[in-house]
Amino acid sequence: MIYLIVFLAVFLFIAFLRVPIAFAMCCGVMIAMAMANIDYAIIPPAIFGGIDSFAFLAVPAFIFAGDLMASGGISNALLKFIGAIIGRIRGSLGAVAIVASALFGTITGSSLATISAIGGIMMPEMIKAGYSKEYTTTLMAASGFLGILIPPSVPGVIYAITAGLPVLDVWLCTVGPGILLTIMYIIVNYIHVGRRQQLQVKKFSIVTYFHDITNALPPALLALLVPIIIFGGVYGGVFTATEAGAVAVAVAILIGWILYPKIFKILPDQRLWKTARSSTVSSASIMMVIGVAHAVSQMIAYTGIPIKLTEFMTGLTQSQGVFLIIVNILLLIVGMFLETNTSILLFTPILGPLASAYGVNPLHFAAIMLLNLEIGMITPPFAINLFTACRMTNVTMNKIVKDLLPFLAVCFIVLLITTYFPPFSLTIIKLIH
């Protein structure tokens, strides 16, 4: 146990000094290994072995596909389509932002890309319509991670590979929480804004309504084909999750750089080369973290930390319910300080076996862990989603806490349901299989 504490202390201290995550992890693991008298010679093969996996090719592929879709002009298409459907209801701009974030996140698999793309369009419009800057910032930050819970998503791929679970099943286990959160966010938005807004005085016409939807549908439908093709292909056995990443890249280029400009005159937001270069940097940083995290896993295995931690926890409590409370608190704190993929790589090898010792279904635990880490991204003081949204509107974080509380409240409600009602996350998996 002492080696784990030393590793985490050194890692977090160095990371807070703004040293890149992979190097901070490497320093932590080397100090812990020195204390445990473990030969450093295991580090290079462990790092290489960590990334020398066909399955991990899915990570850079999905990152590139997400960046392609984010810069390919689909955000406007989705917003126009969703606006045509629900644009007349009270609080419609907030509802459009929430639904668009959920859909856009399923396409890009990136929380920050969702906030940047959807927020960049919706935030000025919401503020112009009378939404306060603070509430607008909060809503976009909270909505940013919704699409990560609905497949496909990069964190789901990384968790599945790290825990040795089927990617499709990990994707499916968070669908219920993702959809319920989206609905509850819309309710929060209606209570906060919608009740005070006047209904549109413009006379409603069913012909005009369906005409607007029909016009907005084709480009939006093309965008929504991406998750459908990926999910359907993996589920149907047409291709593996790794091959699905390559398919996603091809479809993203086809839609954003060929079909959109030629058919709908929707031009990409930036050049293809610039997008590829950005994706390469992001992929390289994540793959470095994956490699070093494998060295951390080796250190954990050599020092017998999972066994000792299991003995400690089972000696502390035999109750599965109490264990899940402790894990929820721990993961929420971890999610506040660390990026989701890093948290998954570090804590899955530790907490996964511990959860199994308490009889928690591995896929149920996957849903608990992923939901916790995403909620951590909007939990102050070190919430990356909040920092991103605040930077876009020039609002300080202390001014959005009041507006954030209702969104955090519904997040905790969904987390409790997910934690203590396993069928909520497992039923859809059983239905699909």
Protein backbone atom coordinates (compact mmCIF):
# COMPACT_ATOMS: atom_id res chain seq x y z
CA MET A 1 0.00 0.00 0.00
CA ILE A 2 2.84 2.41 0.84
CA TYR A 3 4.20 2.09 -2.71
CA LEU A 4 0.85 3.10 -4.19
CA ILE A 5 0.62 6.11 -1.85
CA VAL A 6 4.18 7.17 -2.76
CA PHE A 7 3.48 6.81 -6.48
CA LEU A 8 0.26 8.85 -6.30
CA ALA A 9 1.85 11.55 -4.11
CA VAL A 10 4.86 12.00 -6.41
CA PHE A 11 2.74 11.80 -9.56
CA LEU A 12 0.18 14.38 -8.39
CA PHE A 13 2.84 16.75 -7.03
CA ILE A 14 4.80 16.74 -10.29
CA ALA A 15 1.64 16.95 -12.40
CA PHE A 16 0.52 20.05 -10.50
CA LEU A 17 3.83 21.64 -11.49
CA ARG A 18 2.50 21.41 -15.07
CA VAL A 19 4.87 18.61 -16.07
CA PRO A 20 3.20 16.49 -18.82
CA ILE A 21 1.14 13.63 -17.36
CA ALA A 22 3.23 10.84 -18.92
CA PHE A 23 6.49 12.20 -17.45
CA ALA A 24 4.87 12.82 -14.05
CA MET A 25 3.65 9.22 -14.00
CA CYS A 26 7.09 7.98 -15.02
CA CYS A 27 8.76 9.85 -12.14
CA GLY A 28 6.22 8.49 -9.68
CA VAL A 29 6.57 4.89 -10.82
CA MET A 30 10.39 5.03 -10.80
CA ILE A 31 10.49 6.30 -7.21
CA ALA A 32 7.96 3.67 -6.09
CA MET A 33 9.96 0.94 -7.87
CA ALA A 34 13.19 2.12 -6.23
CA MET A 35 11.53 1.87 -2.81
CA ALA A 36 10.27 -1.63 -3.65
CA ASN A 37 13.66 -2.73 -5.08
CA ILE A 38 12.13 -3.52 -8.47
CA ASP A 39 14.57 -3.55 -11.39
CA TYR A 40 14.13 -0.57 -13.73
CA ALA A 41 14.80 -2.93 -16.63
CA ILE A 42 11.11 -3.85 -16.72
CA ILE A 43 10.09 -0.28 -17.63
CA PRO A 44 11.06 -0.13 -21.36
CA PRO A 45 9.45 -3.46 -22.31
CA ALA A 46 6.42 -2.59 -20.18
CA ILE A 47 5.93 0.75 -21.96
CA PHE A 48 6.42 -0.81 -25.39
CA GLY A 49 4.19 -3.75 -24.53
CA GLY A 50 1.51 -1.36 -23.30
CA ILE A 51 1.08 0.26 -26.70
CA ASP A 52 2.05 -2.76 -28.85
CA SER A 53 -1.55 -3.84 -29.18
CA PHE A 54 -3.80 -3.96 -32.23
CA ALA A 55 -6.75 -2.97 -30.05
CA PHE A 56 -5.12 0.35 -29.09
CA LEU A 57 -5.02 1.42 -32.74
CA ALA A 58 -8.66 2.31 -32.16
CA VAL A 59 -7.61 5.23 -29.94
CA PRO A 60 -5.80 7.42 -32.52
CA ALA A 61 -8.35 6.42 -35.15
CA PHE A 62 -11.33 7.56 -33.07
CA ILE A 63 -9.50 10.73 -32.00
CA PHE A 64 -8.82 11.59 -35.66
CA ALA A 65 -12.40 10.75 -36.66
CA GLY A 66 -13.74 12.92 -33.84
CA ASP A 67 -11.55 15.86 -34.83
CA LEU A 68 -12.59 15.44 -38.47
CA MET A 69 -16.26 15.55 -37.53
CA ALA A 70 -15.73 18.48 -35.16
CA SER A 71 -14.04 20.54 -37.86
CA GLY A 72 -16.14 19.28 -40.77
CA GLY A 73 -19.09 21.65 -40.33
CA ILE A 74 -21.53 19.19 -38.78
CA SER A 75 -22.26 21.27 -35.67
CA ASN A 76 -24.28 23.79 -37.66
CA ALA A 77 -26.18 20.99 -39.40
CA LEU A 78 -27.10 19.33 -36.10
CA LEU A 79 -28.13 22.60 -34.45
CA LYS A 80 -30.36 23.56 -37.36
CA PHE A 81 -32.07 20.16 -37.31
CA ILE A 82 -32.61 20.07 -33.54
CA GLY A 83 -33.78 23.70 -33.58
CA ALA A 84 -36.35 22.85 -36.23
CA ILE A 85 -37.80 20.13 -33.98
CA ILE A 86 -37.85 21.79 -30.55
CA GLY A 87 -37.22 25.45 -31.36
CA ARG A 88 -40.71 26.60 -30.35
CA ILE A 89 -40.75 25.31 -26.76
CA ARG A 90 -39.91 27.52 -23.80
CA GLY A 91 -36.21 27.51 -23.00
CA SER A 92 -35.63 26.06 -26.45
CA LEU A 93 -32.09 27.42 -26.94
CA GLY A 94 -30.91 25.68 -23.78
CA ALA A 95 -32.67 22.47 -24.76
CA VAL A 96 -31.16 22.62 -28.26
CA ALA A 97 -27.68 23.08 -26.74
CA ILE A 98 -28.19 20.06 -24.46
CA VAL A 99 -29.51 17.71 -27.16
CA ALA A 100 -26.93 18.92 -29.69
CA SER A 101 -24.14 18.31 -27.18
CA ALA A 102 -25.36 14.76 -26.56
CA LEU A 103 -25.55 14.01 -30.30
CA PHE A 104 -22.33 15.80 -31.19
CA GLY A 105 -20.47 14.00 -28.40
CA THR A 106 -21.53 10.62 -29.79
CA ILE A 107 -19.97 11.63 -33.11
CA THR A 108 -16.73 13.17 -31.85
CA GLY A 109 -16.27 11.21 -28.61
CA SER A 110 -14.71 14.32 -27.08
CA SER A 111 -16.09 16.43 -24.26
CA LEU A 112 -13.89 19.46 -24.96
CA ALA A 113 -14.57 19.33 -28.71
CA THR A 114 -18.30 19.36 -27.94
CA ILE A 115 -18.01 22.41 -25.70
CA SER A 116 -15.88 24.24 -28.26
CA ALA A 117 -18.00 23.40 -31.32
CA ILE A 118 -21.54 23.58 -29.92
CA GLY A 119 -20.69 26.21 -27.33
CA GLY A 120 -18.98 28.40 -29.90
CA ILE A 121 -22.25 28.63 -31.83
CA MET A 122 -24.84 28.43 -29.05
CA MET A 123 -23.29 30.58 -26.32
CA PRO A 124 -23.53 33.91 -28.20
CA GLU A 125 -27.10 33.10 -29.29
CA MET A 126 -28.19 32.17 -25.76
CA ILE A 127 -26.66 35.31 -24.26
CA LYS A 128 -28.31 37.41 -26.99
CA ALA A 129 -31.66 35.77 -26.14
CA GLY A 130 -31.41 36.81 -22.48
CA TYR A 131 -29.65 33.84 -20.86
CA SER A 132 -27.11 35.04 -18.30
CA LYS A 133 -23.44 34.50 -19.11
CA GLU A 134 -23.05 32.44 -15.94
CA TYR A 135 -25.93 30.10 -16.71
CA THR A 136 -24.91 29.75 -20.37
CA THR A 137 -21.39 28.80 -19.33
CA THR A 138 -22.67 26.28 -16.79
CA LEU A 139 -25.10 24.63 -19.17
CA MET A 140 -22.48 24.12 -21.90
CA ALA A 141 -19.87 22.82 -19.44
CA ALA A 142 -22.36 20.36 -17.92
CA SER A 143 -23.64 19.20 -21.31
CA GLY A 144 -20.17 18.62 -22.74
CA PHE A 145 -19.75 15.09 -21.41
CA LEU A 146 -23.22 13.75 -22.28
CA GLY A 147 -22.09 12.33 -25.61
CA ILE A 148 -19.20 10.48 -23.95
CA LEU A 149 -21.78 8.30 -22.18
CA ILE A 150 -23.53 7.42 -25.43
CA PRO A 151 -21.50 5.24 -27.85
CA PRO A 152 -19.06 5.39 -29.44
CA SER A 153 -16.47 7.07 -27.18
CA VAL A 154 -12.71 6.96 -26.70
CA PRO A 155 -12.89 6.57 -22.88
CA GLY A 156 -15.14 3.55 -23.41
CA VAL A 157 -12.56 1.97 -25.72
CA ILE A 158 -9.70 2.63 -23.28
CA TYR A 159 -11.66 1.27 -20.32
CA ALA A 160 -12.68 -1.88 -22.23
CA ILE A 161 -9.11 -2.65 -23.29
CA THR A 162 -7.66 -1.88 -19.85
CA ALA A 163 -10.25 -4.01 -18.03
CA GLY A 164 -10.29 -6.78 -20.66
CA LEU A 165 -13.99 -6.31 -21.45
CA PRO A 166 -15.82 -6.22 -24.81
CA VAL A 167 -15.80 -2.67 -26.20
CA LEU A 168 -19.43 -2.91 -27.34
CA ASP A 169 -20.62 -3.88 -23.85
CA VAL A 170 -18.71 -1.03 -22.18
CA TRP A 171 -20.22 1.41 -24.69
CA LEU A 172 -23.70 0.09 -23.92
CA CYS A 173 -23.45 0.17 -20.12
CA THR A 174 -23.50 4.01 -20.02
CA VAL A 175 -26.32 4.54 -22.54
CA GLY A 176 -29.03 4.56 -19.86
CA PRO A 177 -27.25 7.12 -17.63
CA GLY A 178 -26.45 9.28 -20.67
CA ILE A 179 -30.04 9.42 -21.92
CA LEU A 180 -31.50 9.98 -18.43
CA LEU A 181 -29.03 12.80 -17.76
CA THR A 182 -29.94 14.46 -21.06
CA ILE A 183 -33.64 14.39 -20.15
CA MET A 184 -33.02 15.68 -16.62
CA TYR A 185 -30.81 18.48 -17.94
CA ILE A 186 -33.67 19.60 -20.20
CA ILE A 187 -36.00 19.62 -17.17
CA VAL A 188 -33.48 21.67 -15.16
CA ASN A 189 -33.20 24.12 -18.06
CA TYR A 190 -36.98 24.43 -18.31
CA ILE A 191 -37.32 25.09 -14.57
CA HIS A 192 -34.50 27.63 -14.62
CA VAL A 193 -35.31 29.47 -17.85
CA GLY A 194 -38.30 28.04 -19.71
CA ARG A 195 -40.99 28.90 -17.17
CA ARG A 196 -40.06 32.58 -17.33
CA GLN A 197 -40.05 32.79 -21.11
CA GLN A 198 -43.07 33.74 -23.20
CA LEU A 199 -44.38 31.34 -25.80
CA GLN A 200 -43.73 32.33 -29.39
CA VAL A 201 -46.52 34.54 -30.67
CA LYS A 202 -45.93 33.53 -34.26
CA LYS A 203 -48.77 31.34 -35.45
CA PHE A 204 -47.87 27.67 -35.62
CA SER A 205 -48.20 25.95 -38.99
CA ILE A 206 -47.82 22.20 -39.26
CA VAL A 207 -46.82 22.58 -42.92
CA THR A 208 -44.06 25.07 -42.10
CA TYR A 209 -42.93 22.99 -39.14
CA PHE A 210 -42.41 19.83 -41.19
CA HIS A 211 -40.95 21.84 -44.06
CA ASP A 212 -38.22 23.19 -41.75
CA ILE A 213 -37.48 19.72 -40.42
CA THR A 214 -37.33 18.25 -43.92
CA ASN A 215 -34.87 20.92 -45.06
CA ALA A 216 -32.62 20.43 -42.04
CA LEU A 217 -32.76 16.62 -42.03
CA PRO A 218 -30.42 15.53 -44.88
CA PRO A 219 -27.11 17.07 -43.62
CA ALA A 220 -27.94 16.13 -40.01
CA LEU A 221 -28.81 12.59 -41.05
CA LEU A 222 -25.44 12.22 -42.76
CA ALA A 223 -23.69 13.26 -39.54
CA LEU A 224 -25.75 10.86 -37.43
CA LEU A 225 -24.83 8.01 -39.75
CA VAL A 226 -21.34 7.92 -38.20
CA PRO A 227 -22.30 6.46 -34.78
CA ILE A 228 -24.92 4.27 -36.45
CA ILE A 229 -22.37 2.78 -38.87
CA ILE A 230 -19.80 2.27 -36.11
CA PHE A 231 -22.19 0.74 -33.60
CA GLY A 232 -24.04 -1.36 -36.19
CA GLY A 233 -20.80 -2.60 -37.73
CA VAL A 234 -19.30 -3.67 -34.41
CA TYR A 235 -22.54 -5.24 -33.16
CA GLY A 236 -23.16 -6.98 -36.48
CA GLY A 237 -19.68 -8.46 -36.52
CA VAL A 238 -18.78 -6.64 -39.75
CA PHE A 239 -15.65 -5.18 -38.17
CA THR A 240 -13.91 -4.99 -34.80
CA ALA A 241 -13.82 -1.87 -32.61
CA THR A 242 -10.31 -1.14 -33.91
CA GLU A 243 -11.41 -1.46 -37.54
CA ALA A 244 -14.43 0.69 -36.68
CA GLY A 245 -12.01 3.53 -35.93
CA ALA A 246 -10.62 3.36 -39.46
CA VAL A 247 -14.14 3.22 -40.88
CA ALA A 248 -15.08 6.28 -38.81
CA VAL A 249 -12.12 8.22 -40.26
CA ALA A 250 -13.10 7.31 -43.83
CA VAL A 251 -16.76 8.24 -43.26
CA ALA A 252 -15.79 11.52 -41.54
CA ILE A 253 -13.62 12.58 -44.49
CA LEU A 254 -16.34 11.54 -46.93
CA ILE A 255 -19.00 13.59 -45.12
CA GLY A 256 -17.07 16.66 -43.97
CA TRP A 257 -14.73 17.18 -46.89
CA ILE A 258 -16.59 15.73 -49.89
CA LEU A 259 -20.37 15.43 -49.44
CA TYR A 260 -21.01 18.52 -47.28
CA PRO A 261 -19.13 20.99 -49.53
CA LYS A 262 -20.48 19.57 -52.80
CA ILE A 263 -24.11 18.86 -51.85
CA PHE A 264 -24.95 21.26 -49.03
CA LYS A 265 -22.26 23.94 -49.56
CA ILE A 266 -21.16 23.46 -45.93
CA LEU A 267 -17.42 24.12 -45.83
CA PRO A 268 -15.05 22.62 -43.21
CA ASP A 269 -14.00 24.95 -40.41
CA GLN A 270 -10.31 24.26 -41.06
CA ARG A 271 -8.02 22.47 -43.49
CA LEU A 272 -7.68 18.70 -43.43
CA TRP A 273 -3.93 18.87 -42.80
CA LYS A 274 -4.37 21.12 -39.75
CA THR A 275 -6.93 18.70 -38.31
CA ALA A 276 -4.64 15.71 -38.95
CA ARG A 277 -1.71 17.46 -37.27
CA SER A 278 -3.81 18.31 -34.18
CA SER A 279 -5.08 14.73 -33.95
CA THR A 280 -1.55 13.36 -34.22
CA VAL A 281 -0.37 15.42 -31.26
CA SER A 282 -3.40 14.41 -29.18
CA SER A 283 -2.98 10.73 -30.07
CA ALA A 284 0.74 10.76 -29.30
CA SER A 285 0.18 12.24 -25.85
CA ILE A 286 -2.52 9.67 -25.02
CA MET A 287 -0.43 6.76 -26.31
CA MET A 288 2.50 7.94 -24.14
CA VAL A 289 0.20 7.90 -21.12
CA ILE A 290 -1.04 4.41 -22.09
CA GLY A 291 2.53 3.10 -22.33
CA VAL A 292 3.64 4.55 -18.98
CA ALA A 293 0.37 3.42 -17.36
CA HIS A 294 1.29 -0.14 -18.35
CA ALA A 295 4.57 0.30 -16.46
CA VAL A 296 2.54 1.49 -13.47
CA SER A 297 0.39 -1.64 -13.79
CA GLN A 298 3.55 -3.77 -13.71
CA MET A 299 4.71 -2.00 -10.56
CA ILE A 300 1.27 -2.57 -9.00
CA ALA A 301 1.40 -6.27 -9.91
CA TYR A 302 4.97 -6.77 -8.61
CA THR A 303 4.19 -5.13 -5.27
CA GLY A 304 0.92 -7.06 -4.82
CA ILE A 305 -1.09 -3.89 -4.28
CA PRO A 306 -4.47 -5.30 -5.53
CA ILE A 307 -4.28 -8.21 -3.08
CA LYS A 308 -3.25 -6.00 -0.17
CA LEU A 309 -5.90 -3.42 -1.03
CA THR A 310 -8.56 -6.14 -1.24
CA GLU A 311 -7.54 -7.49 2.16
CA PHE A 312 -7.59 -3.99 3.64
CA MET A 313 -11.01 -3.11 2.23
CA THR A 314 -12.66 -6.42 3.10
CA GLY A 315 -11.25 -6.06 6.62
CA LEU A 316 -12.73 -2.56 6.76
CA THR A 317 -16.20 -3.55 5.51
CA GLN A 318 -17.92 -6.59 4.05
CA SER A 319 -20.76 -4.52 2.66
CA GLN A 320 -20.89 -4.03 -1.10
CA GLY A 321 -23.01 -0.92 -0.59
CA VAL A 322 -20.46 0.73 1.70
CA PHE A 323 -17.67 -0.20 -0.71
CA LEU A 324 -19.53 1.47 -3.58
CA ILE A 325 -20.00 4.64 -1.51
CA ILE A 326 -16.24 4.77 -0.85
CA VAL A 327 -15.45 4.14 -4.52
CA ASN A 328 -17.89 6.82 -5.68
CA ILE A 329 -16.29 9.41 -3.40
CA LEU A 330 -12.81 8.38 -4.51
CA LEU A 331 -13.62 8.48 -8.22
CA LEU A 332 -15.38 11.84 -7.98
CA ILE A 333 -12.25 13.29 -6.37
CA VAL A 334 -10.03 11.63 -8.98
CA GLY A 335 -12.24 12.99 -11.78
CA MET A 336 -11.87 16.50 -10.39
CA PHE A 337 -8.08 16.41 -10.66
CA LEU A 338 -7.21 14.08 -13.54
CA GLU A 339 -8.23 13.79 -17.17
CA THR A 340 -10.65 10.89 -17.79
CA ASN A 341 -8.39 8.65 -19.90
CA THR A 342 -5.50 9.00 -17.44
CA SER A 343 -7.80 8.13 -14.53
CA ILE A 344 -9.05 5.04 -16.34
CA LEU A 345 -5.53 3.79 -17.08
CA LEU A 346 -4.34 4.38 -13.51
CA PHE A 347 -7.27 3.19 -11.42
CA THR A 348 -8.92 0.41 -13.44
CA PRO A 349 -6.16 -2.15 -12.65
CA ILE A 350 -6.49 -1.24 -8.96
CA LEU A 351 -10.25 -0.90 -8.48
CA GLY A 352 -11.43 -3.47 -11.02
CA PRO A 353 -10.20 -6.55 -9.10
CA LEU A 354 -11.37 -4.96 -5.84
CA ALA A 355 -14.89 -4.50 -7.24
CA SER A 356 -14.92 -8.14 -8.38
CA ALA A 357 -13.96 -9.22 -4.86
CA TYR A 358 -17.12 -7.49 -3.62
CA GLY A 359 -19.22 -9.23 -6.26
CA VAL A 360 -19.80 -6.17 -8.46
CA ASN A 361 -20.46 -7.02 -12.10
CA PRO A 362 -17.48 -5.74 -14.18
CA LEU A 363 -19.76 -3.96 -16.66
CA HIS A 364 -21.80 -2.44 -13.85
CA PHE A 365 -18.56 -1.16 -12.35
CA ALA A 366 -17.56 0.21 -15.77
CA ALA A 367 -20.72 2.32 -15.82
CA ILE A 368 -20.08 3.54 -12.26
CA MET A 369 -16.48 4.47 -12.98
CA LEU A 370 -17.07 6.21 -16.30
CA LEU A 371 -20.04 8.20 -14.97
CA ASN A 372 -18.08 9.26 -11.87
CA LEU A 373 -15.09 10.44 -13.88
CA GLU A 374 -17.27 12.43 -16.27
CA ILE A 375 -19.13 14.11 -13.39
CA GLY A 376 -15.72 15.00 -11.96
CA MET A 377 -15.11 17.07 -15.10
CA ILE A 378 -17.76 19.56 -13.94
CA THR A 379 -17.03 19.40 -10.19
CA PRO A 380 -15.00 22.38 -8.87
CA PRO A 381 -12.29 23.33 -8.19
CA PHE A 382 -10.27 21.57 -10.93
CA ALA A 383 -12.92 20.73 -13.52
CA ILE A 384 -11.59 20.87 -17.07
CA ASN A 385 -15.04 21.28 -18.66
CA LEU A 386 -15.72 24.30 -16.45
CA PHE A 387 -12.34 25.85 -17.23
CA THR A 388 -12.94 25.43 -20.97
CA ALA A 389 -16.43 26.94 -20.92
CA CYS A 390 -15.38 29.78 -18.59
CA ARG A 391 -12.51 30.66 -20.89
CA MET A 392 -14.92 30.93 -23.83
CA THR A 393 -17.23 33.40 -22.04
CA ASN A 394 -14.64 35.14 -19.84
CA VAL A 395 -16.57 34.22 -16.69
CA THR A 396 -14.74 33.29 -13.49
CA MET A 397 -15.55 29.90 -11.99
CA ASN A 398 -16.72 31.27 -8.65
CA LYS A 399 -19.60 33.04 -10.43
CA ILE A 400 -21.10 29.87 -11.91
CA VAL A 401 -21.24 27.70 -8.78
CA LYS A 402 -24.84 28.68 -7.98
CA ASP A 403 -26.06 27.79 -11.49
CA LEU A 404 -23.99 24.60 -11.45
CA LEU A 405 -25.64 23.12 -8.35
CA PRO A 406 -28.89 21.92 -10.04
CA PHE A 407 -26.89 20.15 -12.76
CA LEU A 408 -24.62 18.50 -10.19
CA ALA A 409 -27.71 17.48 -8.20
CA VAL A 410 -29.24 15.57 -11.12
CA CYS A 411 -25.82 14.05 -11.88
CA PHE A 412 -25.66 12.64 -8.35
CA ILE A 413 -29.22 11.33 -8.63
CA VAL A 414 -28.34 9.46 -11.84
CA LEU A 415 -25.10 8.25 -10.23
CA LEU A 416 -27.02 6.81 -7.27
CA ILE A 417 -29.48 5.06 -9.61
CA THR A 418 -26.59 3.66 -11.67
CA THR A 419 -24.70 2.53 -8.57
CA TYR A 420 -27.48 0.85 -6.62
CA PHE A 421 -29.74 -0.36 -9.43
CA PRO A 422 -27.52 -2.52 -11.69
CA PRO A 423 -30.27 -3.33 -14.26
CA PHE A 424 -30.26 0.37 -15.22
CA SER A 425 -26.88 -0.09 -16.89
CA LEU A 426 -26.97 -3.83 -17.64
CA THR A 427 -30.43 -4.41 -19.11
CA ILE A 428 -29.62 -2.90 -22.49
CA ILE A 429 -26.57 -5.17 -22.78
CA LYS A 430 -28.73 -8.23 -22.10
CA LEU A 431 -31.32 -7.05 -24.63
CA ILE A 432 -28.69 -6.53 -27.34
CA HIS A 433 -27.15 -9.94 -26.70
